[in-house]
Amino acid sequence: MTEADLQAMLAARAGSCPICSDKPAEHVDHDHETGRVRGILCFACNAAPGQMRDRPDALRRAADYLEGIVWKPTLVAPGVYRLPS
């Protein structure tokens, strides 16, 4: 990655983190298997994918959990609820 690449990525987002949008993007994020640069993130957002082992499925479940979707039952018939699996 060149300095010009870095500056172009920062300019595309006006220097803000593409995940949280409210902190400055200062850390180069990369795929741990391929080494491919994905973007420039703030410190916290750069750590999060690594903590979830770069697994999109785990990140989606984490988002569902934070939004409270995980434990919300679905009404399937009067008085009958289905819990998410």
PDB file of N, CA and C in Angstrom:
ATOM      1  N   MET A   1       0.857  -1.173   0.000  1.00  0.00           N
ATOM      2  CA  MET A   1       0.000   0.000   0.000  1.00  0.00           C
ATOM      3  C   MET A   1       0.896   1.226   0.000  1.00  0.00           C
ATOM      4  N   THR A   2       0.629   2.126  -0.913  1.00  0.00           N
ATOM      5  CA  THR A   2       1.440   3.337  -1.006  1.00  0.00           C
ATOM      6  C   THR A   2       0.817   4.457  -0.173  1.00  0.00           C
ATOM      7  N   GLU A   3       1.573   5.493   0.033  1.00  0.00           N
ATOM      8  CA  GLU A   3       1.052   6.670   0.735  1.00  0.00           C
ATOM      9  C   GLU A   3      -0.118   7.271  -0.041  1.00  0.00           C
ATOM     10  N   ALA A   4      -0.033   7.248  -1.378  1.00  0.00           N
ATOM     11  CA  ALA A   4      -1.130   7.758  -2.205  1.00  0.00           C
ATOM     12  C   ALA A   4      -2.398   6.923  -2.013  1.00  0.00           C
ATOM     13  N   ASP A   5      -2.250   5.588  -1.909  1.00  0.00           N
ATOM     14  CA  ASP A   5      -3.397   4.708  -1.643  1.00  0.00           C
ATOM     15  C   ASP A   5      -4.035   5.070  -0.308  1.00  0.00           C
ATOM     16  N   LEU A   6      -3.204   5.242   0.705  1.00  0.00           N
ATOM     17  CA  LEU A   6      -3.682   5.592   2.043  1.00  0.00           C
ATOM     18  C   LEU A   6      -4.455   6.899   2.008  1.00  0.00           C
ATOM     19  N   GLN A   7      -3.886   7.915   1.369  1.00  0.00           N
ATOM     20  CA  GLN A   7      -4.544   9.224   1.311  1.00  0.00           C
ATOM     21  C   GLN A   7      -5.861   9.152   0.534  1.00  0.00           C
ATOM     22  N   ALA A   8      -5.896   8.349  -0.518  1.00  0.00           N
ATOM     23  CA  ALA A   8      -7.131   8.194  -1.295  1.00  0.00           C
ATOM     24  C   ALA A   8      -8.219   7.527  -0.464  1.00  0.00           C
ATOM     25  N   MET A   9      -7.852   6.513   0.307  1.00  0.00           N
ATOM     26  CA  MET A   9      -8.828   5.825   1.153  1.00  0.00           C
ATOM     27  C   MET A   9      -9.366   6.768   2.223  1.00  0.00           C
ATOM     28  N   LEU A  10      -8.490   7.570   2.820  1.00  0.00           N
ATOM     29  CA  LEU A  10      -8.922   8.522   3.836  1.00  0.00           C
ATOM     30  C   LEU A  10      -9.819   9.600   3.226  1.00  0.00           C
ATOM     31  N   ALA A  11      -9.455  10.086   2.050  1.00  0.00           N
ATOM     32  CA  ALA A  11     -10.243  11.133   1.390  1.00  0.00           C
ATOM     33  C   ALA A  11     -11.635  10.637   1.029  1.00  0.00           C
ATOM     34  N   ALA A  12     -11.748   9.364   0.647  1.00  0.00           N
ATOM     35  CA  ALA A  12     -13.036   8.804   0.258  1.00  0.00           C
ATOM     36  C   ALA A  12     -14.036   8.834   1.411  1.00  0.00           C
ATOM     37  N   ARG A  13     -13.551   8.801   2.633  1.00  0.00           N
ATOM     38  CA  ARG A  13     -14.414   8.810   3.823  1.00  0.00           C
ATOM     39  C   ARG A  13     -14.249  10.088   4.629  1.00  0.00           C
ATOM     40  N   ALA A  14     -13.601  11.088   4.062  1.00  0.00           N
ATOM     41  CA  ALA A  14     -13.336  12.356   4.769  1.00  0.00           C
ATOM     42  C   ALA A  14     -12.611  12.098   6.084  1.00  0.00           C
ATOM     43  N   GLY A  15     -11.802  11.039   6.123  1.00  0.00           N
ATOM     44  CA  GLY A  15     -10.992  10.740   7.299  1.00  0.00           C
ATOM     45  C   GLY A  15     -11.712  10.049   8.433  1.00  0.00           C
ATOM     46  N   SER A  16     -13.010   9.748   8.255  1.00  0.00           N
ATOM     47  CA  SER A  16     -13.746   9.103   9.350  1.00  0.00           C
ATOM     48  C   SER A  16     -13.789   7.590   9.149  1.00  0.00           C
ATOM     49  N   CYS A  17     -13.978   6.889  10.232  1.00  0.00           N
ATOM     50  CA  CYS A  17     -14.053   5.423  10.216  1.00  0.00           C
ATOM     51  C   CYS A  17     -15.295   4.968   9.452  1.00  0.00           C
ATOM     52  N   PRO A  18     -15.160   4.036   8.498  1.00  0.00           N
ATOM     53  CA  PRO A  18     -16.318   3.582   7.730  1.00  0.00           C
ATOM     54  C   PRO A  18     -17.294   2.703   8.518  1.00  0.00           C
ATOM     55  N   ILE A  19     -16.898   2.249   9.705  1.00  0.00           N
ATOM     56  CA  ILE A  19     -17.807   1.420  10.506  1.00  0.00           C
ATOM     57  C   ILE A  19     -18.613   2.278  11.475  1.00  0.00           C
ATOM     58  N   CYS A  20     -17.938   3.043  12.337  1.00  0.00           N
ATOM     59  CA  CYS A  20     -18.670   3.841  13.329  1.00  0.00           C
ATOM     60  C   CYS A  20     -19.007   5.243  12.840  1.00  0.00           C
ATOM     61  N   SER A  21     -18.288   5.742  11.870  1.00  0.00           N
ATOM     62  CA  SER A  21     -18.508   7.059  11.260  1.00  0.00           C
ATOM     63  C   SER A  21     -18.298   8.254  12.177  1.00  0.00           C
ATOM     64  N   ASP A  22     -17.839   8.033  13.411  1.00  0.00           N
ATOM     65  CA  ASP A  22     -17.682   9.191  14.278  1.00  0.00           C
ATOM     66  C   ASP A  22     -16.283   9.368  14.855  1.00  0.00           C
ATOM     67  N   LYS A  23     -15.363   8.497  14.502  1.00  0.00           N
ATOM     68  CA  LYS A  23     -13.985   8.637  14.978  1.00  0.00           C
ATOM     69  C   LYS A  23     -13.053   8.697  13.780  1.00  0.00           C
ATOM     70  N   PRO A  24     -11.873   9.271  13.968  1.00  0.00           N
ATOM     71  CA  PRO A  24     -10.941   9.342  12.849  1.00  0.00           C
ATOM     72  C   PRO A  24     -10.384   7.970  12.471  1.00  0.00           C
ATOM     73  N   ALA A  25     -10.291   7.736  11.175  1.00  0.00           N
ATOM     74  CA  ALA A  25      -9.700   6.501  10.662  1.00  0.00           C
ATOM     75  C   ALA A  25      -8.186   6.649  10.718  1.00  0.00           C
ATOM     76  N   GLU A  26      -7.540   5.799  11.507  1.00  0.00           N
ATOM     77  CA  GLU A  26      -6.093   5.904  11.709  1.00  0.00           C
ATOM     78  C   GLU A  26      -5.357   4.579  11.607  1.00  0.00           C
ATOM     79  N   HIS A  27      -6.079   3.466  11.526  1.00  0.00           N
ATOM     80  CA  HIS A  27      -5.450   2.145  11.553  1.00  0.00           C
ATOM     81  C   HIS A  27      -5.788   1.360  10.295  1.00  0.00           C
ATOM     82  N   VAL A  28      -4.766   0.848   9.636  1.00  0.00           N
ATOM     83  CA  VAL A  28      -4.959   0.067   8.412  1.00  0.00           C
ATOM     84  C   VAL A  28      -5.497  -1.310   8.802  1.00  0.00           C
ATOM     85  N   ASP A  29      -6.662  -1.653   8.263  1.00  0.00           N
ATOM     86  CA  ASP A  29      -7.268  -2.959   8.509  1.00  0.00           C
ATOM     87  C   ASP A  29      -6.947  -3.868   7.335  1.00  0.00           C
ATOM     88  N   HIS A  30      -6.632  -5.122   7.640  1.00  0.00           N
ATOM     89  CA  HIS A  30      -6.297  -6.072   6.580  1.00  0.00           C
ATOM     90  C   HIS A  30      -6.863  -7.448   6.896  1.00  0.00           C
ATOM     91  N   ASP A  31      -7.037  -8.249   5.853  1.00  0.00           N
ATOM     92  CA  ASP A  31      -7.464  -9.629   5.991  1.00  0.00           C
ATOM     93  C   ASP A  31      -6.279 -10.420   6.533  1.00  0.00           C
ATOM     94  N   HIS A  32      -6.473 -11.099   7.643  1.00  0.00           N
ATOM     95  CA  HIS A  32      -5.365 -11.812   8.289  1.00  0.00           C
ATOM     96  C   HIS A  32      -4.902 -13.033   7.509  1.00  0.00           C
ATOM     97  N   GLU A  33      -5.756 -13.564   6.637  1.00  0.00           N
ATOM     98  CA  GLU A  33      -5.348 -14.725   5.831  1.00  0.00           C
ATOM     99  C   GLU A  33      -4.607 -14.316   4.566  1.00  0.00           C
ATOM    100  N   THR A  34      -5.126 -13.285   3.884  1.00  0.00           N
ATOM    101  CA  THR A  34      -4.537 -12.908   2.594  1.00  0.00           C
ATOM    102  C   THR A  34      -3.591 -11.720   2.678  1.00  0.00           C
ATOM    103  N   GLY A  35      -3.721 -10.925   3.754  1.00  0.00           N
ATOM    104  CA  GLY A  35      -2.919  -9.718   3.878  1.00  0.00           C
ATOM    105  C   GLY A  35      -3.486  -8.540   3.102  1.00  0.00           C
ATOM    106  N   ARG A  36      -4.594  -8.734   2.389  1.00  0.00           N
ATOM    107  CA  ARG A  36      -5.209  -7.684   1.580  1.00  0.00           C
ATOM    108  C   ARG A  36      -5.766  -6.580   2.476  1.00  0.00           C
ATOM    109  N   VAL A  37      -5.451  -5.338   2.133  1.00  0.00           N
ATOM    110  CA  VAL A  37      -5.958  -4.191   2.888  1.00  0.00           C
ATOM    111  C   VAL A  37      -7.433  -4.007   2.574  1.00  0.00           C
ATOM    112  N   ARG A  38      -8.241  -3.879   3.660  1.00  0.00           N
ATOM    113  CA  ARG A  38      -9.684  -3.691   3.493  1.00  0.00           C
ATOM    114  C   ARG A  38     -10.081  -2.230   3.644  1.00  0.00           C
ATOM    115  N   GLY A  39      -9.350  -1.499   4.469  1.00  0.00           N
ATOM    116  CA  GLY A  39      -9.707  -0.101   4.691  1.00  0.00           C
ATOM    117  C   GLY A  39      -8.926   0.488   5.842  1.00  0.00           C
ATOM    118  N   ILE A  40      -9.294   1.703   6.202  1.00  0.00           N
ATOM    119  CA  ILE A  40      -8.688   2.409   7.318  1.00  0.00           C
ATOM    120  C   ILE A  40      -9.785   2.629   8.355  1.00  0.00           C
ATOM    121  N   LEU A  41      -9.565   2.156   9.584  1.00  0.00           N
ATOM    122  CA  LEU A  41     -10.573   2.196  10.638  1.00  0.00           C
ATOM    123  C   LEU A  41     -10.050   2.927  11.862  1.00  0.00           C
ATOM    124  N   CYS A  42     -10.954   3.282  12.779  1.00  0.00           N
ATOM    125  CA  CYS A  42     -10.523   3.791  14.080  1.00  0.00           C
ATOM    126  C   CYS A  42      -9.997   2.609  14.899  1.00  0.00           C
ATOM    127  N   PHE A  43      -9.381   2.888  16.025  1.00  0.00           N
ATOM    128  CA  PHE A  43      -8.759   1.837  16.839  1.00  0.00           C
ATOM    129  C   PHE A  43      -9.768   0.765  17.249  1.00  0.00           C
ATOM    130  N   ALA A  44     -10.915   1.180  17.793  1.00  0.00           N
ATOM    131  CA  ALA A  44     -11.895   0.209  18.304  1.00  0.00           C
ATOM    132  C   ALA A  44     -12.474  -0.643  17.179  1.00  0.00           C
ATOM    133  N   CYS A  45     -12.826  -0.014  16.066  1.00  0.00           N
ATOM    134  CA  CYS A  45     -13.419  -0.765  14.953  1.00  0.00           C
ATOM    135  C   CYS A  45     -12.394  -1.652  14.265  1.00  0.00           C
ATOM    136  N   ASN A  46     -11.130  -1.301  14.338  1.00  0.00           N
ATOM    137  CA  ASN A  46     -10.089  -2.155  13.781  1.00  0.00           C
ATOM    138  C   ASN A  46      -9.916  -3.409  14.641  1.00  0.00           C
ATOM    139  N   ALA A  47     -10.099  -3.288  15.934  1.00  0.00           N
ATOM    140  CA  ALA A  47      -9.940  -4.434  16.838  1.00  0.00           C
ATOM    141  C   ALA A  47     -11.117  -5.404  16.754  1.00  0.00           C
ATOM    142  N   ALA A  48     -12.316  -4.886  16.520  1.00  0.00           N
ATOM    143  CA  ALA A  48     -13.523  -5.721  16.562  1.00  0.00           C
ATOM    144  C   ALA A  48     -13.499  -6.896  15.592  1.00  0.00           C
ATOM    145  N   PRO A  49     -13.214  -6.724  14.301  1.00  0.00           N
ATOM    146  CA  PRO A  49     -13.202  -7.888  13.408  1.00  0.00           C
ATOM    147  C   PRO A  49     -12.191  -8.952  13.841  1.00  0.00           C
ATOM    148  N   GLY A  50     -11.040  -8.526  14.331  1.00  0.00           N
ATOM    149  CA  GLY A  50     -10.038  -9.477  14.800  1.00  0.00           C
ATOM    150  C   GLY A  50     -10.515 -10.245  16.017  1.00  0.00           C
ATOM    151  N   GLN A  51     -11.215  -9.566  16.915  1.00  0.00           N
ATOM    152  CA  GLN A  51     -11.749 -10.234  18.102  1.00  0.00           C
ATOM    153  C   GLN A  51     -12.789 -11.276  17.715  1.00  0.00           C
ATOM    154  N   MET A  52     -13.470 -11.046  16.601  1.00  0.00           N
ATOM    155  CA  MET A  52     -14.460 -11.998  16.108  1.00  0.00           C
ATOM    156  C   MET A  52     -13.846 -12.939  15.077  1.00  0.00           C
ATOM    157  N   ARG A  53     -12.521 -13.000  15.041  1.00  0.00           N
ATOM    158  CA  ARG A  53     -11.756 -13.892  14.161  1.00  0.00           C
ATOM    159  C   ARG A  53     -12.071 -13.676  12.675  1.00  0.00           C
ATOM    160  N   ASP A  54     -12.374 -12.419  12.326  1.00  0.00           N
ATOM    161  CA  ASP A  54     -12.676 -12.045  10.939  1.00  0.00           C
ATOM    162  C   ASP A  54     -13.811 -12.871  10.344  1.00  0.00           C
ATOM    163  N   ARG A  55     -14.768 -13.263  11.173  1.00  0.00           N
ATOM    164  CA  ARG A  55     -15.894 -14.085  10.721  1.00  0.00           C
ATOM    165  C   ARG A  55     -17.151 -13.234  10.581  1.00  0.00           C
ATOM    166  N   PRO A  56     -17.588 -12.948   9.346  1.00  0.00           N
ATOM    167  CA  PRO A  56     -18.802 -12.153   9.148  1.00  0.00           C
ATOM    168  C   PRO A  56     -20.030 -12.749   9.824  1.00  0.00           C
ATOM    169  N   ASP A  57     -20.134 -14.094   9.869  1.00  0.00           N
ATOM    170  CA  ASP A  57     -21.291 -14.713  10.514  1.00  0.00           C
ATOM    171  C   ASP A  57     -21.333 -14.381  12.002  1.00  0.00           C
ATOM    172  N   ALA A  58     -20.177 -14.360  12.652  1.00  0.00           N
ATOM    173  CA  ALA A  58     -20.123 -14.019  14.076  1.00  0.00           C
ATOM    174  C   ALA A  58     -20.457 -12.542  14.284  1.00  0.00           C
ATOM    175  N   LEU A  59     -19.971 -11.684  13.389  1.00  0.00           N
ATOM    176  CA  LEU A  59     -20.286 -10.263  13.494  1.00  0.00           C
ATOM    177  C   LEU A  59     -21.782 -10.014  13.292  1.00  0.00           C
ATOM    178  N   ARG A  60     -22.416 -10.744  12.380  1.00  0.00           N
ATOM    179  CA  ARG A  60     -23.865 -10.596  12.173  1.00  0.00           C
ATOM    180  C   ARG A  60     -24.637 -11.036  13.415  1.00  0.00           C
ATOM    181  N   ARG A  61     -24.218 -12.152  14.021  1.00  0.00           N
ATOM    182  CA  ARG A  61     -24.888 -12.610  15.246  1.00  0.00           C
ATOM    183  C   ARG A  61     -24.679 -11.599  16.364  1.00  0.00           C
ATOM    184  N   ALA A  62     -23.499 -10.986  16.425  1.00  0.00           N
ATOM    185  CA  ALA A  62     -23.240  -9.963  17.444  1.00  0.00           C
ATOM    186  C   ALA A  62     -24.173  -8.769  17.239  1.00  0.00           C
ATOM    187  N   ALA A  63     -24.375  -8.356  15.982  1.00  0.00           N
ATOM    188  CA  ALA A  63     -25.296  -7.248  15.698  1.00  0.00           C
ATOM    189  C   ALA A  63     -26.716  -7.625  16.105  1.00  0.00           C
ATOM    190  N   ASP A  64     -27.153  -8.839  15.777  1.00  0.00           N
ATOM    191  CA  ASP A  64     -28.482  -9.299  16.184  1.00  0.00           C
ATOM    192  C   ASP A  64     -28.621  -9.280  17.696  1.00  0.00           C
ATOM    193  N   TYR A  65     -27.593  -9.735  18.387  1.00  0.00           N
ATOM    194  CA  TYR A  65     -27.608  -9.758  19.848  1.00  0.00           C
ATOM    195  C   TYR A  65     -27.759  -8.343  20.400  1.00  0.00           C
ATOM    196  N   LEU A  66     -26.970  -7.405  19.872  1.00  0.00           N
ATOM    197  CA  LEU A  66     -27.035  -6.027  20.361  1.00  0.00           C
ATOM    198  C   LEU A  66     -28.383  -5.380  20.078  1.00  0.00           C
ATOM    199  N   GLU A  67     -29.013  -5.766  18.980  1.00  0.00           N
ATOM    200  CA  GLU A  67     -30.323  -5.219  18.633  1.00  0.00           C
ATOM    201  C   GLU A  67     -31.464  -5.947  19.334  1.00  0.00           C
ATOM    202  N   GLY A  68     -31.161  -6.973  20.096  1.00  0.00           N
ATOM    203  CA  GLY A  68     -32.178  -7.689  20.846  1.00  0.00           C
ATOM    204  C   GLY A  68     -32.984  -8.671  20.026  1.00  0.00           C
ATOM    205  N   ILE A  69     -32.527  -8.983  18.826  1.00  0.00           N
ATOM    206  CA  ILE A  69     -33.267  -9.874  17.949  1.00  0.00           C
ATOM    207  C   ILE A  69     -33.139 -11.330  18.393  1.00  0.00           C
ATOM    208  N   VAL A  70     -32.054 -11.668  19.032  1.00  0.00           N
ATOM    209  CA  VAL A  70     -31.740 -13.057  19.370  1.00  0.00           C
ATOM    210  C   VAL A  70     -32.821 -13.712  20.218  1.00  0.00           C
ATOM    211  N   TRP A  71     -33.350 -12.998  21.208  1.00  0.00           N
ATOM    212  CA  TRP A  71     -34.280 -13.626  22.145  1.00  0.00           C
ATOM    213  C   TRP A  71     -35.728 -13.254  21.906  1.00  0.00           C
ATOM    214  N   LYS A  72     -36.023 -12.565  20.825  1.00  0.00           N
ATOM    215  CA  LYS A  72     -37.411 -12.181  20.566  1.00  0.00           C
ATOM    216  C   LYS A  72     -38.165 -13.354  19.934  1.00  0.00           C
ATOM    217  N   PRO A  73     -39.200 -13.853  20.603  1.00  0.00           N
ATOM    218  CA  PRO A  73     -39.994 -14.946  20.018  1.00  0.00           C
ATOM    219  C   PRO A  73     -40.875 -14.415  18.890  1.00  0.00           C
ATOM    220  N   THR A  74     -41.243 -15.297  17.983  1.00  0.00           N
ATOM    221  CA  THR A  74     -42.121 -14.964  16.868  1.00  0.00           C
ATOM    222  C   THR A  74     -43.472 -15.628  17.096  1.00  0.00           C
ATOM    223  N   LEU A  75     -44.532 -14.834  17.014  1.00  0.00           N
ATOM    224  CA  LEU A  75     -45.881 -15.372  17.150  1.00  0.00           C
ATOM    225  C   LEU A  75     -46.218 -16.129  15.873  1.00  0.00           C
ATOM    226  N   VAL A  76     -46.495 -17.432  15.985  1.00  0.00           N
ATOM    227  CA  VAL A  76     -46.819 -18.247  14.807  1.00  0.00           C
ATOM    228  C   VAL A  76     -48.302 -18.636  14.768  1.00  0.00           C
ATOM    229  N   ALA A  77     -48.965 -18.579  15.910  1.00  0.00           N
ATOM    230  CA  ALA A  77     -50.398 -18.851  16.015  1.00  0.00           C
ATOM    231  C   ALA A  77     -50.857 -18.245  17.335  1.00  0.00           C
ATOM    232  N   PRO A  78     -52.133 -18.016  17.542  1.00  0.00           N
ATOM    233  CA  PRO A  78     -52.566 -17.456  18.822  1.00  0.00           C
ATOM    234  C   PRO A  78     -52.035 -18.242  20.014  1.00  0.00           C
ATOM    235  N   GLY A  79     -51.240 -17.575  20.818  1.00  0.00           N
ATOM    236  CA  GLY A  79     -50.660 -18.208  22.016  1.00  0.00           C
ATOM    237  C   GLY A  79     -49.489 -19.121  21.754  1.00  0.00           C
ATOM    238  N   VAL A  80     -49.035 -19.232  20.504  1.00  0.00           N
ATOM    239  CA  VAL A  80     -47.910 -20.115  20.168  1.00  0.00           C
ATOM    240  C   VAL A  80     -46.768 -19.261  19.626  1.00  0.00           C
ATOM    241  N   TYR A  81     -45.632 -19.376  20.292  1.00  0.00           N
ATOM    242  CA  TYR A  81     -44.458 -18.600  19.907  1.00  0.00           C
ATOM    243  C   TYR A  81     -43.319 -19.516  19.518  1.00  0.00           C
ATOM    244  N   ARG A  82     -42.529 -19.090  18.558  1.00  0.00           N
ATOM    245  CA  ARG A  82     -41.333 -19.833  18.171  1.00  0.00           C
ATOM    246  C   ARG A  82     -40.144 -19.002  18.591  1.00  0.00           C
ATOM    247  N   LEU A  83     -39.221 -19.657  19.312  1.00  0.00           N
ATOM    248  CA  LEU A  83     -37.989 -18.986  19.718  1.00  0.00           C
ATOM    249  C   LEU A  83     -36.955 -19.113  18.606  1.00  0.00           C
ATOM    250  N   PRO A  84     -36.126 -18.088  18.415  1.00  0.00           N
ATOM    251  CA  PRO A  84     -35.077 -18.202  17.393  1.00  0.00           C
ATOM    252  C   PRO A  84     -34.101 -19.305  17.756  1.00  0.00           C
ATOM    253  N   SER A  85     -33.586 -19.962  16.742  1.00  0.00           N
ATOM    254  CA  SER A  85     -32.629 -21.043  17.014  1.00  0.00           C
ATOM    255  C   SER A  85     -31.224 -20.588  16.731  1.00  0.00           C
TER     256      SER A  85
END
